[in-house]
Amino acid sequence: MSQAVGQTASRLLTVEIVDVCREIFSGRCSRVVAPAVDGEVGVLPRHTPFLTRLRPGEIRLRTEAGEDQYFYLSGGYMEVQQWEVSILADQVLRSQEIDREAALAAKRNAERMLRENRIPGERDRAYLELLKALAQLRLLERLNARKRGRNRL
């Protein structure tokens, strides 16, 4: 192994993504982009440490091999250290695991619940379900656009 390869490897983040059921990703990445509650957060090696809540949305990784990977996240927490990122979530799906028809049905159901329900707690739950469905659909749209060559990480 050349010294340059060793130096490149030492400049990568160690990334762990887990949900309540399984480990989704464990590996080295040059960057992580995640949906923090206050806006999208990009993390590079040597980032200032922080802890943040995550909202429903997409996680984007650039792996050690230069491959872009995309995940849907229902919400959770992200801890960032200089060389490590840990994401803990209720649910994470790899992009290929997202069911477009199920997401569309969830969106329609949530919109119906928002229209018909006047109970604040029920409306809050419906709104959260709507955000989750929209996040899944946006991720699928981004990937379709990327396949057509219109969008980048």
N, C-alpha and C. Protein backbone atom coordinates (compact mmCIF):
# COMPACT_ATOMS: atom_id res chain seq x y z
N MET A 1 0.85 -1.17 0.00
CA MET A 1 0.00 0.00 0.00
C MET A 1 0.89 1.23 0.00
N SER A 2 0.60 2.16 -0.88
CA SER A 2 1.42 3.35 -0.96
C SER A 2 1.09 4.32 0.16
N GLN A 3 1.99 5.23 0.42
CA GLN A 3 1.78 6.21 1.46
C GLN A 3 0.59 7.11 1.12
N ALA A 4 0.40 7.43 -0.17
CA ALA A 4 -0.71 8.29 -0.58
C ALA A 4 -2.05 7.64 -0.27
N VAL A 5 -2.16 6.33 -0.48
CA VAL A 5 -3.41 5.63 -0.16
C VAL A 5 -3.67 5.67 1.33
N GLY A 6 -2.65 5.46 2.13
CA GLY A 6 -2.78 5.52 3.59
C GLY A 6 -3.19 6.91 4.05
N GLN A 7 -2.62 7.95 3.43
CA GLN A 7 -2.99 9.32 3.79
C GLN A 7 -4.43 9.61 3.41
N THR A 8 -4.89 9.12 2.24
CA THR A 8 -6.27 9.34 1.83
C THR A 8 -7.22 8.65 2.79
N ALA A 9 -6.92 7.41 3.19
CA ALA A 9 -7.78 6.67 4.10
C ALA A 9 -7.88 7.39 5.45
N SER A 10 -6.79 8.02 5.87
CA SER A 10 -6.82 8.70 7.16
C SER A 10 -7.64 10.00 7.11
N ARG A 11 -8.00 10.45 5.94
CA ARG A 11 -8.80 11.67 5.79
C ARG A 11 -10.28 11.39 5.61
N LEU A 12 -10.71 10.19 5.91
CA LEU A 12 -12.11 9.81 5.74
C LEU A 12 -12.82 9.72 7.08
N LEU A 13 -14.13 9.89 7.03
CA LEU A 13 -14.98 9.72 8.20
C LEU A 13 -15.35 8.25 8.36
N THR A 14 -15.45 7.80 9.57
CA THR A 14 -16.04 6.49 9.85
C THR A 14 -17.52 6.75 10.12
N VAL A 15 -18.39 6.13 9.33
CA VAL A 15 -19.82 6.41 9.39
C VAL A 15 -20.59 5.15 9.78
N GLU A 16 -21.48 5.31 10.75
CA GLU A 16 -22.37 4.23 11.19
C GLU A 16 -23.80 4.76 11.09
N ILE A 17 -24.67 4.01 10.42
CA ILE A 17 -26.09 4.35 10.35
C ILE A 17 -26.87 3.13 10.82
N VAL A 18 -27.66 3.32 11.88
CA VAL A 18 -28.46 2.21 12.40
C VAL A 18 -29.88 2.69 12.67
N ASP A 19 -30.84 1.77 12.50
CA ASP A 19 -32.19 2.06 12.96
C ASP A 19 -32.53 1.04 14.04
N VAL A 20 -33.75 1.04 14.50
CA VAL A 20 -34.09 0.19 15.64
C VAL A 20 -33.99 -1.30 15.32
N CYS A 21 -33.98 -1.67 14.06
CA CYS A 21 -33.96 -3.09 13.68
C CYS A 21 -32.63 -3.60 13.15
N ARG A 22 -31.79 -2.71 12.60
CA ARG A 22 -30.60 -3.22 11.92
C ARG A 22 -29.56 -2.13 11.69
N GLU A 23 -28.36 -2.60 11.41
CA GLU A 23 -27.30 -1.70 10.97
C GLU A 23 -27.49 -1.51 9.46
N ILE A 24 -27.60 -0.30 9.03
CA ILE A 24 -27.87 0.01 7.62
C ILE A 24 -26.57 0.22 6.85
N PHE A 25 -25.64 0.93 7.46
CA PHE A 25 -24.37 1.25 6.80
C PHE A 25 -23.28 1.35 7.84
N SER A 26 -22.13 0.82 7.50
CA SER A 26 -20.94 0.97 8.31
C SER A 26 -19.77 1.02 7.34
N GLY A 27 -19.08 2.15 7.33
CA GLY A 27 -17.97 2.26 6.40
C GLY A 27 -17.32 3.63 6.47
N ARG A 28 -16.43 3.86 5.52
CA ARG A 28 -15.67 5.11 5.48
C ARG A 28 -16.21 5.96 4.34
N CYS A 29 -16.34 7.25 4.62
CA CYS A 29 -16.92 8.19 3.65
C CYS A 29 -16.13 9.49 3.65
N SER A 30 -16.16 10.16 2.51
CA SER A 30 -15.52 11.47 2.44
C SER A 30 -16.48 12.59 2.83
N ARG A 31 -17.81 12.31 2.79
CA ARG A 31 -18.77 13.31 3.24
C ARG A 31 -20.12 12.66 3.55
N VAL A 32 -20.86 13.36 4.41
CA VAL A 32 -22.20 12.95 4.82
C VAL A 32 -23.08 14.18 4.76
N VAL A 33 -24.26 14.05 4.18
CA VAL A 33 -25.25 15.14 4.19
C VAL A 33 -26.51 14.56 4.81
N ALA A 34 -27.07 15.27 5.81
CA ALA A 34 -28.23 14.76 6.55
C ALA A 34 -29.21 15.90 6.82
N PRO A 35 -30.50 15.54 7.02
CA PRO A 35 -31.54 16.55 7.24
C PRO A 35 -31.74 16.91 8.71
N ALA A 36 -30.95 17.83 9.22
CA ALA A 36 -31.11 18.29 10.60
C ALA A 36 -32.41 19.09 10.72
N VAL A 37 -32.94 19.19 11.92
CA VAL A 37 -34.20 19.91 12.11
C VAL A 37 -34.08 21.39 11.71
N ASP A 38 -32.90 21.96 11.81
CA ASP A 38 -32.71 23.37 11.45
C ASP A 38 -32.22 23.57 10.02
N GLY A 39 -32.16 22.49 9.25
CA GLY A 39 -31.70 22.58 7.86
C GLY A 39 -30.72 21.48 7.55
N GLU A 40 -30.41 21.33 6.29
CA GLU A 40 -29.51 20.28 5.84
C GLU A 40 -28.09 20.55 6.34
N VAL A 41 -27.41 19.48 6.79
CA VAL A 41 -26.07 19.59 7.36
C VAL A 41 -25.11 18.74 6.53
N GLY A 42 -24.02 19.35 6.11
CA GLY A 42 -22.96 18.62 5.43
C GLY A 42 -21.78 18.43 6.37
N VAL A 43 -21.24 17.22 6.40
CA VAL A 43 -20.14 16.91 7.31
C VAL A 43 -18.96 16.37 6.50
N LEU A 44 -17.81 16.96 6.72
CA LEU A 44 -16.55 16.52 6.12
C LEU A 44 -15.62 16.10 7.26
N PRO A 45 -14.54 15.38 6.93
CA PRO A 45 -13.58 15.02 7.98
C PRO A 45 -13.08 16.27 8.72
N ARG A 46 -12.81 16.11 10.01
CA ARG A 46 -12.33 17.15 10.92
C ARG A 46 -13.40 18.19 11.24
N HIS A 47 -14.66 17.82 11.08
CA HIS A 47 -15.76 18.72 11.40
C HIS A 47 -15.81 18.97 12.91
N THR A 48 -16.28 20.12 13.30
CA THR A 48 -16.48 20.43 14.71
C THR A 48 -17.51 19.46 15.29
N PRO A 49 -17.25 18.87 16.44
CA PRO A 49 -18.20 17.93 17.03
C PRO A 49 -19.53 18.61 17.38
N PHE A 50 -20.63 17.88 17.15
CA PHE A 50 -21.96 18.35 17.55
C PHE A 50 -22.93 17.18 17.57
N LEU A 51 -24.08 17.43 18.18
CA LEU A 51 -25.18 16.46 18.23
C LEU A 51 -26.42 17.18 17.75
N THR A 52 -27.20 16.57 16.87
CA THR A 52 -28.41 17.21 16.37
C THR A 52 -29.52 16.20 16.15
N ARG A 53 -30.74 16.70 16.24
CA ARG A 53 -31.91 15.90 15.87
C ARG A 53 -32.05 15.95 14.36
N LEU A 54 -32.54 14.85 13.79
CA LEU A 54 -32.77 14.78 12.36
C LEU A 54 -34.26 14.69 12.08
N ARG A 55 -34.70 15.34 11.02
CA ARG A 55 -36.09 15.29 10.59
C ARG A 55 -36.21 14.27 9.45
N PRO A 56 -37.43 13.90 9.07
CA PRO A 56 -37.57 13.00 7.92
C PRO A 56 -36.92 13.61 6.68
N GLY A 57 -36.18 12.80 5.97
CA GLY A 57 -35.50 13.29 4.77
C GLY A 57 -34.51 12.27 4.25
N GLU A 58 -33.53 12.75 3.53
CA GLU A 58 -32.56 11.83 2.93
C GLU A 58 -31.17 12.05 3.49
N ILE A 59 -30.45 10.95 3.58
CA ILE A 59 -29.03 10.97 3.93
C ILE A 59 -28.28 10.67 2.65
N ARG A 60 -27.24 11.46 2.40
CA ARG A 60 -26.40 11.23 1.22
C ARG A 60 -24.97 11.01 1.69
N LEU A 61 -24.37 9.96 1.19
CA LEU A 61 -22.99 9.62 1.53
C LEU A 61 -22.15 9.56 0.27
N ARG A 62 -20.88 9.95 0.38
CA ARG A 62 -19.89 9.68 -0.66
C ARG A 62 -18.92 8.71 -0.03
N THR A 63 -18.93 7.47 -0.49
CA THR A 63 -18.13 6.42 0.13
C THR A 63 -16.66 6.55 -0.24
N GLU A 64 -15.86 5.74 0.43
CA GLU A 64 -14.42 5.70 0.20
C GLU A 64 -14.11 5.42 -1.27
N ALA A 65 -14.96 4.62 -1.92
CA ALA A 65 -14.77 4.27 -3.33
C ALA A 65 -15.27 5.36 -4.28
N GLY A 66 -15.82 6.46 -3.73
CA GLY A 66 -16.32 7.54 -4.57
C GLY A 66 -17.76 7.34 -5.01
N GLU A 67 -18.42 6.31 -4.49
CA GLU A 67 -19.80 6.01 -4.84
C GLU A 67 -20.75 6.83 -3.97
N ASP A 68 -21.80 7.36 -4.57
CA ASP A 68 -22.83 8.07 -3.82
C ASP A 68 -23.90 7.07 -3.39
N GLN A 69 -24.26 7.11 -2.11
CA GLN A 69 -25.32 6.26 -1.59
C GLN A 69 -26.37 7.14 -0.95
N TYR A 70 -27.63 6.73 -1.10
CA TYR A 70 -28.77 7.51 -0.64
C TYR A 70 -29.65 6.66 0.27
N PHE A 71 -30.16 7.27 1.33
CA PHE A 71 -31.01 6.59 2.29
C PHE A 71 -32.17 7.50 2.69
N TYR A 72 -33.33 6.91 2.95
CA TYR A 72 -34.45 7.64 3.54
C TYR A 72 -34.36 7.48 5.05
N LEU A 73 -34.61 8.55 5.77
CA LEU A 73 -34.55 8.58 7.23
C LEU A 73 -35.88 9.12 7.75
N SER A 74 -36.49 8.42 8.71
CA SER A 74 -37.77 8.89 9.27
C SER A 74 -37.57 9.94 10.36
N GLY A 75 -36.37 10.13 10.80
CA GLY A 75 -36.04 11.04 11.89
C GLY A 75 -35.11 10.33 12.84
N GLY A 76 -34.41 11.08 13.67
CA GLY A 76 -33.48 10.45 14.61
C GLY A 76 -32.48 11.45 15.12
N TYR A 77 -31.27 10.96 15.37
CA TYR A 77 -30.19 11.79 15.91
C TYR A 77 -28.90 11.51 15.17
N MET A 78 -28.06 12.54 15.07
CA MET A 78 -26.74 12.39 14.48
C MET A 78 -25.71 12.98 15.43
N GLU A 79 -24.68 12.19 15.72
CA GLU A 79 -23.55 12.66 16.51
C GLU A 79 -22.35 12.77 15.57
N VAL A 80 -21.69 13.90 15.61
CA VAL A 80 -20.53 14.13 14.77
C VAL A 80 -19.32 14.36 15.67
N GLN A 81 -18.26 13.62 15.42
CA GLN A 81 -16.94 13.86 16.00
C GLN A 81 -16.02 14.17 14.83
N GLN A 82 -14.79 14.57 15.09
CA GLN A 82 -13.90 14.98 13.99
C GLN A 82 -13.79 13.93 12.89
N TRP A 83 -13.74 12.66 13.26
CA TRP A 83 -13.51 11.60 12.29
C TRP A 83 -14.62 10.55 12.27
N GLU A 84 -15.72 10.81 12.99
CA GLU A 84 -16.79 9.81 13.09
C GLU A 84 -18.16 10.48 13.01
N VAL A 85 -19.08 9.78 12.35
CA VAL A 85 -20.48 10.20 12.30
C VAL A 85 -21.33 8.99 12.66
N SER A 86 -22.21 9.17 13.63
CA SER A 86 -23.15 8.12 14.03
C SER A 86 -24.56 8.65 13.85
N ILE A 87 -25.38 7.88 13.13
CA ILE A 87 -26.77 8.26 12.92
C ILE A 87 -27.64 7.15 13.50
N LEU A 88 -28.51 7.55 14.43
CA LEU A 88 -29.44 6.63 15.07
C LEU A 88 -30.84 7.06 14.67
N ALA A 89 -31.65 6.13 14.14
CA ALA A 89 -32.96 6.51 13.61
C ALA A 89 -34.02 5.49 13.96
N ASP A 90 -35.27 5.94 13.88
CA ASP A 90 -36.39 5.02 14.03
C ASP A 90 -36.44 4.07 12.83
N GLN A 91 -36.33 4.64 11.63
CA GLN A 91 -36.37 3.85 10.41
C GLN A 91 -35.44 4.46 9.37
N VAL A 92 -34.66 3.62 8.74
CA VAL A 92 -33.82 4.03 7.61
C VAL A 92 -34.05 3.00 6.51
N LEU A 93 -34.23 3.49 5.29
CA LEU A 93 -34.38 2.62 4.13
C LEU A 93 -33.33 2.97 3.10
N ARG A 94 -32.71 1.95 2.52
CA ARG A 94 -31.86 2.20 1.36
C ARG A 94 -32.76 2.66 0.23
N SER A 95 -32.23 3.45 -0.68
CA SER A 95 -33.06 4.01 -1.75
C SER A 95 -33.82 2.93 -2.51
N GLN A 96 -33.19 1.78 -2.73
CA GLN A 96 -33.84 0.71 -3.49
C GLN A 96 -34.94 0.00 -2.69
N GLU A 97 -35.03 0.26 -1.39
CA GLU A 97 -36.06 -0.35 -0.55
C GLU A 97 -37.34 0.47 -0.49
N ILE A 98 -37.32 1.69 -1.01
CA ILE A 98 -38.50 2.57 -0.94
C ILE A 98 -39.54 2.10 -1.94
N ASP A 99 -40.76 1.93 -1.47
CA ASP A 99 -41.90 1.52 -2.30
C ASP A 99 -42.68 2.79 -2.69
N ARG A 100 -42.57 3.17 -3.95
CA ARG A 100 -43.21 4.41 -4.42
C ARG A 100 -44.72 4.39 -4.21
N GLU A 101 -45.36 3.28 -4.52
CA GLU A 101 -46.81 3.18 -4.38
C GLU A 101 -47.23 3.30 -2.92
N ALA A 102 -46.47 2.67 -2.02
CA ALA A 102 -46.78 2.76 -0.59
C ALA A 102 -46.59 4.20 -0.10
N ALA A 103 -45.55 4.88 -0.58
CA ALA A 103 -45.32 6.28 -0.19
C ALA A 103 -46.44 7.18 -0.71
N LEU A 104 -46.90 6.94 -1.93
CA LEU A 104 -48.02 7.73 -2.48
C LEU A 104 -49.29 7.48 -1.68
N ALA A 105 -49.54 6.23 -1.32
CA ALA A 105 -50.73 5.91 -0.52
C ALA A 105 -50.64 6.56 0.86
N ALA A 106 -49.46 6.54 1.48
CA ALA A 106 -49.28 7.18 2.79
C ALA A 106 -49.49 8.68 2.69
N LYS A 107 -49.03 9.27 1.61
CA LYS A 107 -49.22 10.71 1.39
C LYS A 107 -50.71 11.04 1.28
N ARG A 108 -51.43 10.28 0.45
CA ARG A 108 -52.87 10.51 0.29
C ARG A 108 -53.61 10.34 1.63
N ASN A 109 -53.26 9.31 2.38
CA ASN A 109 -53.90 9.05 3.66
C ASN A 109 -53.63 10.20 4.65
N ALA A 110 -52.40 10.65 4.71
CA ALA A 110 -52.05 11.74 5.62
C ALA A 110 -52.78 13.03 5.23
N GLU A 111 -52.85 13.31 3.94
CA GLU A 111 -53.57 14.51 3.48
C GLU A 111 -55.05 14.42 3.85
N ARG A 112 -55.63 13.24 3.70
CA ARG A 112 -57.04 13.03 4.07
C ARG A 112 -57.23 13.25 5.57
N MET A 113 -56.32 12.69 6.37
CA MET A 113 -56.41 12.85 7.83
C MET A 113 -56.28 14.32 8.23
N LEU A 114 -55.43 15.06 7.56
CA LEU A 114 -55.28 16.49 7.86
C LEU A 114 -56.56 17.27 7.52
N ARG A 115 -57.19 16.89 6.40
CA ARG A 115 -58.43 17.58 6.01
C ARG A 115 -59.59 17.26 6.96
N GLU A 116 -59.67 16.01 7.37
CA GLU A 116 -60.87 15.55 8.09
C GLU A 116 -60.76 15.64 9.61
N ASN A 117 -59.57 15.67 10.15
CA ASN A 117 -59.42 15.57 11.60
C ASN A 117 -59.19 16.94 12.23
N ARG A 118 -59.88 17.22 13.31
CA ARG A 118 -59.74 18.49 14.02
C ARG A 118 -59.03 18.34 15.36
N ILE A 119 -58.69 17.11 15.75
CA ILE A 119 -58.01 16.87 17.02
C ILE A 119 -56.52 17.18 16.83
N PRO A 120 -55.97 18.12 17.60
CA PRO A 120 -54.57 18.54 17.40
C PRO A 120 -53.56 17.39 17.39
N GLY A 121 -53.64 16.46 18.33
CA GLY A 121 -52.68 15.36 18.36
C GLY A 121 -52.75 14.48 17.12
N GLU A 122 -53.96 14.24 16.64
CA GLU A 122 -54.14 13.44 15.42
C GLU A 122 -53.60 14.19 14.20
N ARG A 123 -53.83 15.49 14.17
CA ARG A 123 -53.31 16.30 13.05
C ARG A 123 -51.78 16.31 13.06
N ASP A 124 -51.19 16.38 14.25
CA ASP A 124 -49.73 16.34 14.35
C ASP A 124 -49.18 15.03 13.81
N ARG A 125 -49.81 13.91 14.17
CA ARG A 125 -49.37 12.60 13.67
C ARG A 125 -49.53 12.51 12.15
N ALA A 126 -50.65 13.04 11.64
CA ALA A 126 -50.88 13.02 10.19
C ALA A 126 -49.84 13.88 9.48
N TYR A 127 -49.51 15.03 10.06
CA TYR A 127 -48.51 15.91 9.46
C TYR A 127 -47.14 15.22 9.40
N LEU A 128 -46.77 14.53 10.48
CA LEU A 128 -45.50 13.80 10.50
C LEU A 128 -45.49 12.70 9.44
N GLU A 129 -46.60 11.97 9.30
CA GLU A 129 -46.69 10.94 8.27
C GLU A 129 -46.59 11.54 6.87
N LEU A 130 -47.18 12.71 6.69
CA LEU A 130 -47.07 13.40 5.40
C LEU A 130 -45.62 13.78 5.12
N LEU A 131 -44.91 14.30 6.11
CA LEU A 131 -43.49 14.65 5.94
C LEU A 131 -42.67 13.42 5.55
N LYS A 132 -42.93 12.28 6.19
CA LYS A 132 -42.20 11.05 5.88
C LYS A 132 -42.46 10.60 4.45
N ALA A 133 -43.73 10.61 4.04
CA ALA A 133 -44.07 10.18 2.68
C ALA A 133 -43.43 11.12 1.65
N LEU A 134 -43.50 12.42 1.89
CA LEU A 134 -42.91 13.39 0.97
C LEU A 134 -41.40 13.22 0.88
N ALA A 135 -40.75 12.93 2.00
CA ALA A 135 -39.30 12.72 1.99
C ALA A 135 -38.94 11.51 1.13
N GLN A 136 -39.70 10.44 1.23
CA GLN A 136 -39.44 9.26 0.41
C GLN A 136 -39.63 9.58 -1.07
N LEU A 137 -40.71 10.28 -1.40
CA LEU A 137 -40.98 10.62 -2.80
C LEU A 137 -39.93 11.58 -3.36
N ARG A 138 -39.47 12.55 -2.55
CA ARG A 138 -38.41 13.47 -3.01
C ARG A 138 -37.12 12.71 -3.31
N LEU A 139 -36.79 11.75 -2.46
CA LEU A 139 -35.58 10.97 -2.69
C LEU A 139 -35.68 10.20 -4.00
N LEU A 140 -36.83 9.57 -4.24
CA LEU A 140 -37.01 8.85 -5.50
C LEU A 140 -36.93 9.79 -6.69
N GLU A 141 -37.51 10.98 -6.58
CA GLU A 141 -37.43 11.96 -7.67
C GLU A 141 -35.99 12.39 -7.91
N ARG A 142 -35.22 12.63 -6.83
CA ARG A 142 -33.82 13.03 -6.97
C ARG A 142 -33.02 11.94 -7.70
N LEU A 143 -33.27 10.69 -7.33
CA LEU A 143 -32.53 9.59 -7.95
C LEU A 143 -32.91 9.44 -9.42
N ASN A 144 -34.18 9.62 -9.75
CA ASN A 144 -34.60 9.56 -11.15
C ASN A 144 -33.96 10.68 -11.95
N ALA A 145 -33.92 11.88 -11.39
CA ALA A 145 -33.28 13.01 -12.07
C ALA A 145 -31.79 12.76 -12.24
N ARG A 146 -31.18 12.18 -11.22
CA ARG A 146 -29.74 11.88 -11.28
C ARG A 146 -29.44 10.88 -12.39
N LYS A 147 -30.30 9.89 -12.52
CA LYS A 147 -30.13 8.89 -13.58
C LYS A 147 -30.17 9.56 -14.96
N ARG A 148 -30.98 10.62 -15.06
CA ARG A 148 -31.06 11.36 -16.32
C ARG A 148 -29.94 12.38 -16.45
N GLY A 149 -29.06 12.47 -15.44
CA GLY A 149 -27.90 13.34 -15.51
C GLY A 149 -28.15 14.77 -15.11
N ARG A 150 -29.23 15.06 -14.36
CA ARG A 150 -29.56 16.44 -14.02
C ARG A 150 -29.19 16.84 -12.61
N ASN A 151 -28.82 15.92 -11.76
CA ASN A 151 -28.63 16.27 -10.35
C ASN A 151 -27.37 15.60 -9.81
N ARG A 152 -26.71 16.27 -8.90
CA ARG A 152 -25.50 15.73 -8.29
C ARG A 152 -25.65 15.75 -6.79
N LEU A 153 -24.73 15.05 -6.09
CA LEU A 153 -24.73 15.02 -4.62
C LEU A 153 -24.54 16.36 -4.11
